[in-house]
Amino acid sequence: MIESSKKRNNLKPYTYHRFIDEAGDMTFFLKGKAPARLGSNGISRVFILGMAYIKQDLNQVRKLISLFCKEIESDPYFNEIPSVKKRIDRGGFYLHAKDDPPELRYKFLMFLLENVDFSVQMVVGRKRPTRFVNKHHSQEREFYADLLSHLLKDKGNYEKLVINIAERGSSTKNNNLEIALSQAHERHTKTRRYKYKADIKFNVQRYSSEPILAITDYILWTVQRVFEKGEMRFYDVVKDRIPLILDLYDTTKYENYQNYYGPKNPLTKQNRVVDDD
């Protein structure tokens, strides 16, 4: 036990820290319980959770991203764009793929590929009101916990993990995160012979206060564009950094794990979600 404790204390932080963010929304119904029209009025067809693994010194990466943001603040090409200027005026620019202009998205993605060693796993949840009602009891936090448990279920062989997770209302309250972890344990034991031994701690963060979450956010955005629009150009740039995309509710492809995607089985335009899915 003493040797194991010493071993854990000697681990470099980047080896046991992960960074979770989301893309899309969990809107299924409007006021009065009217079904939301998915894919219109800014309402997404999918909700995605992603987990980034940064494979180098975390403080160094934070500094790199912070310097990148400072450069954008001082760049006249970008700093007068309304969505950028709004964040600058509120206390300092931070990256957010959904709100950033296309040329900034490409610039940051290339910056990441050239300067940061990382990978991002993710779970995609196709939004279907009947499933939301029957499986998740019309509760966003249950939908969130279901996806999160699939991100965590294969992490049982780690001795220690700190999950830095972007704050999202009741979905990231401690009790809901513990529910997701419990579900991960259950799923782990169904498919593996060894015990889920990982000591997992959650560190809920404000998105704007943790620069590394921008990595997760941006890579998630590239995948969301495939599922929402069939747009491939951003995803194709980063797909080799995405070892796993689990299209969780695509029941038509459950056989032989066809709903699992990665560099050898990348997404295509056919992964776009349409109304009759």
Protein backbone atom coordinates (compact mmCIF):
# COMPACT_ATOMS: atom_id res chain seq x y z
CA MET A 1 0.00 0.00 0.00
CA ILE A 2 2.85 2.41 0.81
CA GLU A 3 4.56 1.73 -2.54
CA SER A 4 1.28 2.24 -4.40
CA SER A 5 0.68 5.55 -2.60
CA LYS A 6 4.18 6.77 -3.47
CA LYS A 7 3.67 5.75 -7.08
CA ARG A 8 0.44 7.76 -7.31
CA ASN A 9 2.03 10.80 -5.68
CA ASN A 10 4.82 10.73 -8.26
CA LEU A 11 2.46 10.80 -11.23
CA LYS A 12 2.67 13.86 -13.42
CA PRO A 13 -0.66 15.75 -13.39
CA TYR A 14 -1.24 15.43 -17.14
CA THR A 15 -1.33 11.64 -16.80
CA TYR A 16 -4.40 11.64 -14.56
CA HIS A 17 -6.29 14.83 -15.48
CA ARG A 18 -9.05 14.80 -18.09
CA PHE A 19 -11.19 17.68 -19.39
CA ILE A 20 -14.90 17.28 -20.18
CA ASP A 21 -17.14 19.69 -22.07
CA GLU A 22 -20.30 19.42 -24.16
CA ALA A 23 -21.69 20.46 -27.53
CA GLY A 24 -25.32 21.01 -28.44
CA ASP A 25 -28.20 21.42 -26.03
CA MET A 26 -30.63 19.22 -24.11
CA THR A 27 -33.81 20.97 -25.25
CA PHE A 28 -36.56 18.47 -26.07
CA PHE A 29 -39.71 20.41 -25.20
CA LEU A 30 -40.79 24.03 -25.27
CA LYS A 31 -43.06 25.81 -22.81
CA GLY A 32 -46.34 23.96 -22.40
CA LYS A 33 -44.59 20.64 -23.18
CA ALA A 34 -44.79 21.23 -26.93
CA PRO A 35 -42.11 19.15 -28.71
CA ALA A 36 -39.15 21.25 -29.80
CA ARG A 37 -38.42 21.33 -33.51
CA LEU A 38 -34.97 19.76 -33.53
CA GLY A 39 -32.49 21.29 -35.95
CA SER A 40 -34.23 24.68 -36.06
CA ASN A 41 -34.11 27.92 -34.07
CA GLY A 42 -30.73 26.99 -32.60
CA ILE A 43 -32.00 23.71 -31.12
CA SER A 44 -29.58 20.87 -31.79
CA ARG A 45 -30.38 17.37 -33.03
CA VAL A 46 -27.65 15.83 -30.87
CA PHE A 47 -25.99 16.43 -27.52
CA ILE A 48 -22.33 15.39 -27.21
CA LEU A 49 -19.97 14.95 -24.26
CA GLY A 50 -16.23 14.86 -24.90
CA MET A 51 -13.20 14.10 -22.75
CA ALA A 52 -9.77 15.49 -23.64
CA TYR A 53 -6.50 13.88 -22.62
CA ILE A 54 -3.59 16.33 -22.75
CA LYS A 55 -0.29 14.46 -23.09
CA GLN A 56 2.10 17.16 -21.91
CA ASP A 57 2.59 19.66 -19.10
CA LEU A 58 -0.81 21.20 -18.33
CA ASN A 59 0.44 24.59 -17.17
CA GLN A 60 2.46 24.93 -20.35
CA VAL A 61 -0.67 24.24 -22.42
CA ARG A 62 -2.68 26.75 -20.39
CA LYS A 63 -0.03 29.39 -21.07
CA LEU A 64 0.00 28.61 -24.78
CA ILE A 65 -3.79 28.97 -25.06
CA SER A 66 -3.80 32.13 -22.93
CA LEU A 67 -1.13 33.68 -25.15
CA PHE A 68 -3.14 32.74 -28.23
CA CYS A 69 -6.17 34.52 -26.74
CA LYS A 70 -4.09 37.61 -25.96
CA GLU A 71 -2.94 37.71 -29.58
CA ILE A 72 -6.57 37.61 -30.74
CA GLU A 73 -7.39 40.48 -28.38
CA SER A 74 -4.70 42.63 -29.98
CA ASP A 75 -5.35 41.56 -33.58
CA PRO A 76 -7.41 44.20 -35.42
CA TYR A 77 -8.62 41.56 -37.87
CA PHE A 78 -10.44 39.74 -35.04
CA ASN A 79 -10.92 42.12 -32.13
CA GLU A 80 -13.68 44.17 -33.75
CA ILE A 81 -15.80 41.14 -34.68
CA PRO A 82 -18.87 41.53 -32.42
CA SER A 83 -18.76 38.03 -30.87
CA VAL A 84 -15.05 38.45 -30.11
CA LYS A 85 -15.31 42.06 -28.92
CA LYS A 86 -18.14 41.12 -26.57
CA ARG A 87 -15.89 38.73 -24.65
CA ILE A 88 -12.98 41.18 -24.64
CA ASP A 89 -15.21 43.88 -23.17
CA ARG A 90 -16.45 41.51 -20.48
CA GLY A 91 -13.00 41.05 -19.04
CA GLY A 92 -10.87 39.13 -21.51
CA PHE A 93 -11.23 37.01 -24.62
CA TYR A 94 -11.63 33.25 -24.31
CA LEU A 95 -12.29 30.77 -27.08
CA HIS A 96 -15.74 29.32 -27.74
CA ALA A 97 -16.13 27.50 -31.03
CA LYS A 98 -19.88 28.08 -31.36
CA ASP A 99 -19.41 31.85 -31.26
CA ASP A 100 -16.05 32.23 -33.00
CA PRO A 101 -15.79 33.17 -36.71
CA PRO A 102 -14.72 30.43 -39.17
CA GLU A 103 -11.24 31.85 -39.77
CA LEU A 104 -10.56 31.90 -36.03
CA ARG A 105 -11.80 28.33 -35.69
CA TYR A 106 -9.38 27.16 -38.36
CA LYS A 107 -6.54 29.23 -36.88
CA PHE A 108 -7.00 27.72 -33.42
CA LEU A 109 -7.40 24.16 -34.68
CA MET A 110 -4.13 24.45 -36.61
CA PHE A 111 -2.50 26.01 -33.55
CA LEU A 112 -3.57 23.02 -31.46
CA LEU A 113 -2.34 20.46 -33.99
CA GLU A 114 1.04 22.17 -34.17
CA ASN A 115 1.58 22.86 -30.47
CA VAL A 116 -0.39 20.46 -28.28
CA ASP A 117 -0.31 16.67 -27.97
CA PHE A 118 -3.89 15.68 -27.17
CA SER A 119 -6.74 13.32 -27.95
CA VAL A 120 -10.50 13.56 -27.37
CA GLN A 121 -13.00 10.76 -26.83
CA MET A 122 -16.71 11.50 -27.09
CA VAL A 123 -20.22 10.11 -26.76
CA VAL A 124 -22.98 11.37 -29.06
CA GLY A 125 -26.59 11.32 -27.88
CA ARG A 126 -29.19 11.59 -30.63
CA LYS A 127 -32.14 13.52 -29.26
CA ARG A 128 -35.45 11.66 -29.42
CA PRO A 129 -38.30 12.90 -27.17
CA THR A 130 -39.74 9.40 -26.58
CA ARG A 131 -36.38 8.13 -25.30
CA PHE A 132 -35.93 11.25 -23.18
CA VAL A 133 -39.32 10.68 -21.55
CA ASN A 134 -39.14 6.91 -21.13
CA LYS A 135 -35.45 6.37 -20.38
CA HIS A 136 -34.47 9.64 -18.74
CA HIS A 137 -37.81 10.58 -17.15
CA SER A 138 -37.75 13.96 -18.93
CA GLN A 139 -34.76 15.00 -16.81
CA GLU A 140 -31.78 16.67 -18.46
CA ARG A 141 -29.50 15.54 -15.63
CA GLU A 142 -30.38 11.87 -16.30
CA PHE A 143 -29.67 12.28 -20.00
CA TYR A 144 -26.33 13.90 -19.13
CA ALA A 145 -25.43 11.18 -16.60
CA ASP A 146 -26.21 8.45 -19.12
CA LEU A 147 -23.75 9.87 -21.66
CA LEU A 148 -21.13 10.62 -19.00
CA SER A 149 -21.24 7.05 -17.71
CA HIS A 150 -20.26 5.79 -21.16
CA LEU A 151 -17.27 8.14 -21.19
CA LEU A 152 -16.14 6.77 -17.83
CA LYS A 153 -16.95 3.07 -18.13
CA ASP A 154 -13.59 2.09 -19.67
CA LYS A 155 -11.50 4.09 -17.17
CA GLY A 156 -11.59 1.43 -14.46
CA ASN A 157 -7.94 0.42 -14.79
CA TYR A 158 -6.60 3.86 -13.84
CA GLU A 159 -5.46 4.23 -10.24
CA LYS A 160 -6.29 7.92 -10.15
CA LEU A 161 -8.25 10.33 -12.34
CA VAL A 162 -9.25 13.96 -11.86
CA ILE A 163 -12.13 14.88 -14.15
CA ASN A 164 -12.19 18.63 -14.84
CA ILE A 165 -15.71 19.18 -16.08
CA ALA A 166 -17.40 22.29 -17.45
CA GLU A 167 -20.18 23.46 -15.17
CA ARG A 168 -23.72 22.82 -16.44
CA GLY A 169 -26.43 23.44 -13.85
CA SER A 170 -27.90 20.43 -12.06
CA SER A 171 -26.25 18.06 -14.55
CA THR A 172 -22.85 18.68 -12.96
CA LYS A 173 -23.97 18.77 -9.34
CA ASN A 174 -22.02 16.30 -7.25
CA ASN A 175 -24.89 13.86 -6.73
CA ASN A 176 -25.54 13.58 -10.48
CA LEU A 177 -21.84 13.05 -11.23
CA GLU A 178 -21.77 10.28 -8.63
CA ILE A 179 -24.82 8.69 -10.29
CA ALA A 180 -22.96 8.73 -13.62
CA LEU A 181 -19.92 7.15 -11.98
CA SER A 182 -22.08 4.44 -10.42
CA GLN A 183 -23.59 3.68 -13.82
CA ALA A 184 -20.07 3.52 -15.26
CA HIS A 185 -19.16 0.92 -12.65
CA GLU A 186 -22.20 -1.17 -13.59
CA ARG A 187 -21.44 -1.01 -17.30
CA HIS A 188 -17.80 -1.84 -16.64
CA THR A 189 -18.63 -5.01 -14.70
CA LYS A 190 -20.93 -6.27 -17.46
CA THR A 191 -18.16 -6.32 -20.06
CA ARG A 192 -14.93 -6.82 -18.09
CA ARG A 193 -13.64 -9.38 -15.64
CA TYR A 194 -11.50 -7.05 -13.54
CA LYS A 195 -12.81 -4.70 -10.86
CA TYR A 196 -13.34 -0.99 -11.50
CA LYS A 197 -10.49 0.32 -9.36
CA ALA A 198 -10.10 3.94 -10.49
CA ASP A 199 -10.18 6.63 -7.81
CA ILE A 200 -12.10 9.34 -9.68
CA LYS A 201 -12.53 12.88 -8.41
CA PHE A 202 -14.64 15.53 -10.14
CA ASN A 203 -13.51 19.14 -10.39
CA VAL A 204 -16.37 21.26 -11.74
CA GLN A 205 -15.04 24.34 -13.53
CA ARG A 206 -16.42 27.49 -15.09
CA TYR A 207 -15.62 27.17 -18.78
CA SER A 208 -14.08 30.63 -19.03
CA SER A 209 -11.67 29.97 -16.14
CA GLU A 210 -10.01 26.80 -17.52
CA PRO A 211 -8.26 27.42 -20.88
CA ILE A 212 -7.78 23.71 -21.59
CA LEU A 213 -11.53 23.18 -21.87
CA ALA A 214 -11.29 25.11 -25.15
CA ILE A 215 -9.55 22.06 -26.65
CA THR A 216 -12.49 19.80 -25.80
CA ASP A 217 -14.97 22.44 -26.92
CA TYR A 218 -13.37 22.94 -30.32
CA ILE A 219 -12.94 19.25 -31.16
CA LEU A 220 -16.53 18.57 -30.07
CA TRP A 221 -17.72 21.37 -32.33
CA THR A 222 -16.06 19.78 -35.39
CA VAL A 223 -17.93 16.53 -34.72
CA GLN A 224 -21.20 18.29 -33.99
CA ARG A 225 -21.01 19.91 -37.44
CA VAL A 226 -20.91 16.45 -39.01
CA PHE A 227 -23.99 15.22 -37.15
CA GLU A 228 -25.95 18.46 -37.52
CA LYS A 229 -24.94 19.64 -41.01
CA GLY A 230 -22.94 16.89 -42.70
CA GLU A 231 -20.04 19.38 -42.80
CA MET A 232 -16.70 17.57 -42.96
CA ARG A 233 -14.01 20.21 -43.48
CA PHE A 234 -13.20 20.97 -39.84
CA TYR A 235 -13.58 17.36 -38.68
CA ASP A 236 -11.27 16.10 -41.43
CA VAL A 237 -8.51 18.36 -40.11
CA VAL A 238 -8.59 16.84 -36.58
CA LYS A 239 -10.04 13.32 -36.98
CA ASP A 240 -6.72 11.62 -36.22
CA ARG A 241 -6.87 13.15 -32.73
CA ILE A 242 -10.25 11.54 -32.00
CA PRO A 243 -9.68 7.88 -31.04
CA LEU A 244 -13.33 7.22 -30.19
CA ILE A 245 -16.74 8.55 -31.12
CA LEU A 246 -19.58 6.46 -29.72
CA ASP A 247 -22.89 7.20 -31.47
CA LEU A 248 -24.72 5.86 -28.44
CA TYR A 249 -28.32 5.70 -29.62
CA ASP A 250 -27.79 4.69 -33.24
CA THR A 251 -29.53 1.35 -32.73
CA THR A 252 -29.34 0.49 -36.44
CA LYS A 253 -25.58 0.02 -36.10
CA TYR A 254 -25.26 -1.81 -32.77
CA GLU A 255 -24.22 -5.06 -34.47
CA ASN A 256 -20.43 -5.50 -34.52
CA TYR A 257 -19.97 -2.08 -32.90
CA GLN A 258 -20.64 -0.21 -36.13
CA ASN A 259 -21.68 2.80 -34.03
CA TYR A 260 -18.07 3.22 -32.83
CA TYR A 261 -15.91 5.56 -34.90
CA GLY A 262 -12.24 6.50 -34.95
CA PRO A 263 -9.34 7.28 -37.32
CA LYS A 264 -9.69 3.91 -39.07
CA ASN A 265 -13.47 4.19 -39.26
CA PRO A 266 -14.09 7.95 -39.55
CA LEU A 267 -17.36 9.77 -39.73
CA THR A 268 -18.76 10.63 -43.16
CA LYS A 269 -21.52 12.89 -44.43
CA GLN A 270 -23.87 9.93 -43.94
CA ASN A 271 -23.61 10.40 -40.18
CA ARG A 272 -25.72 13.52 -40.42
CA VAL A 273 -28.86 13.10 -38.31
CA VAL A 274 -32.10 13.66 -40.18
CA ASP A 275 -35.71 13.71 -39.03
CA ASP A 276 -36.52 10.12 -39.93
CA ASP A 277 -33.55 8.59 -38.01
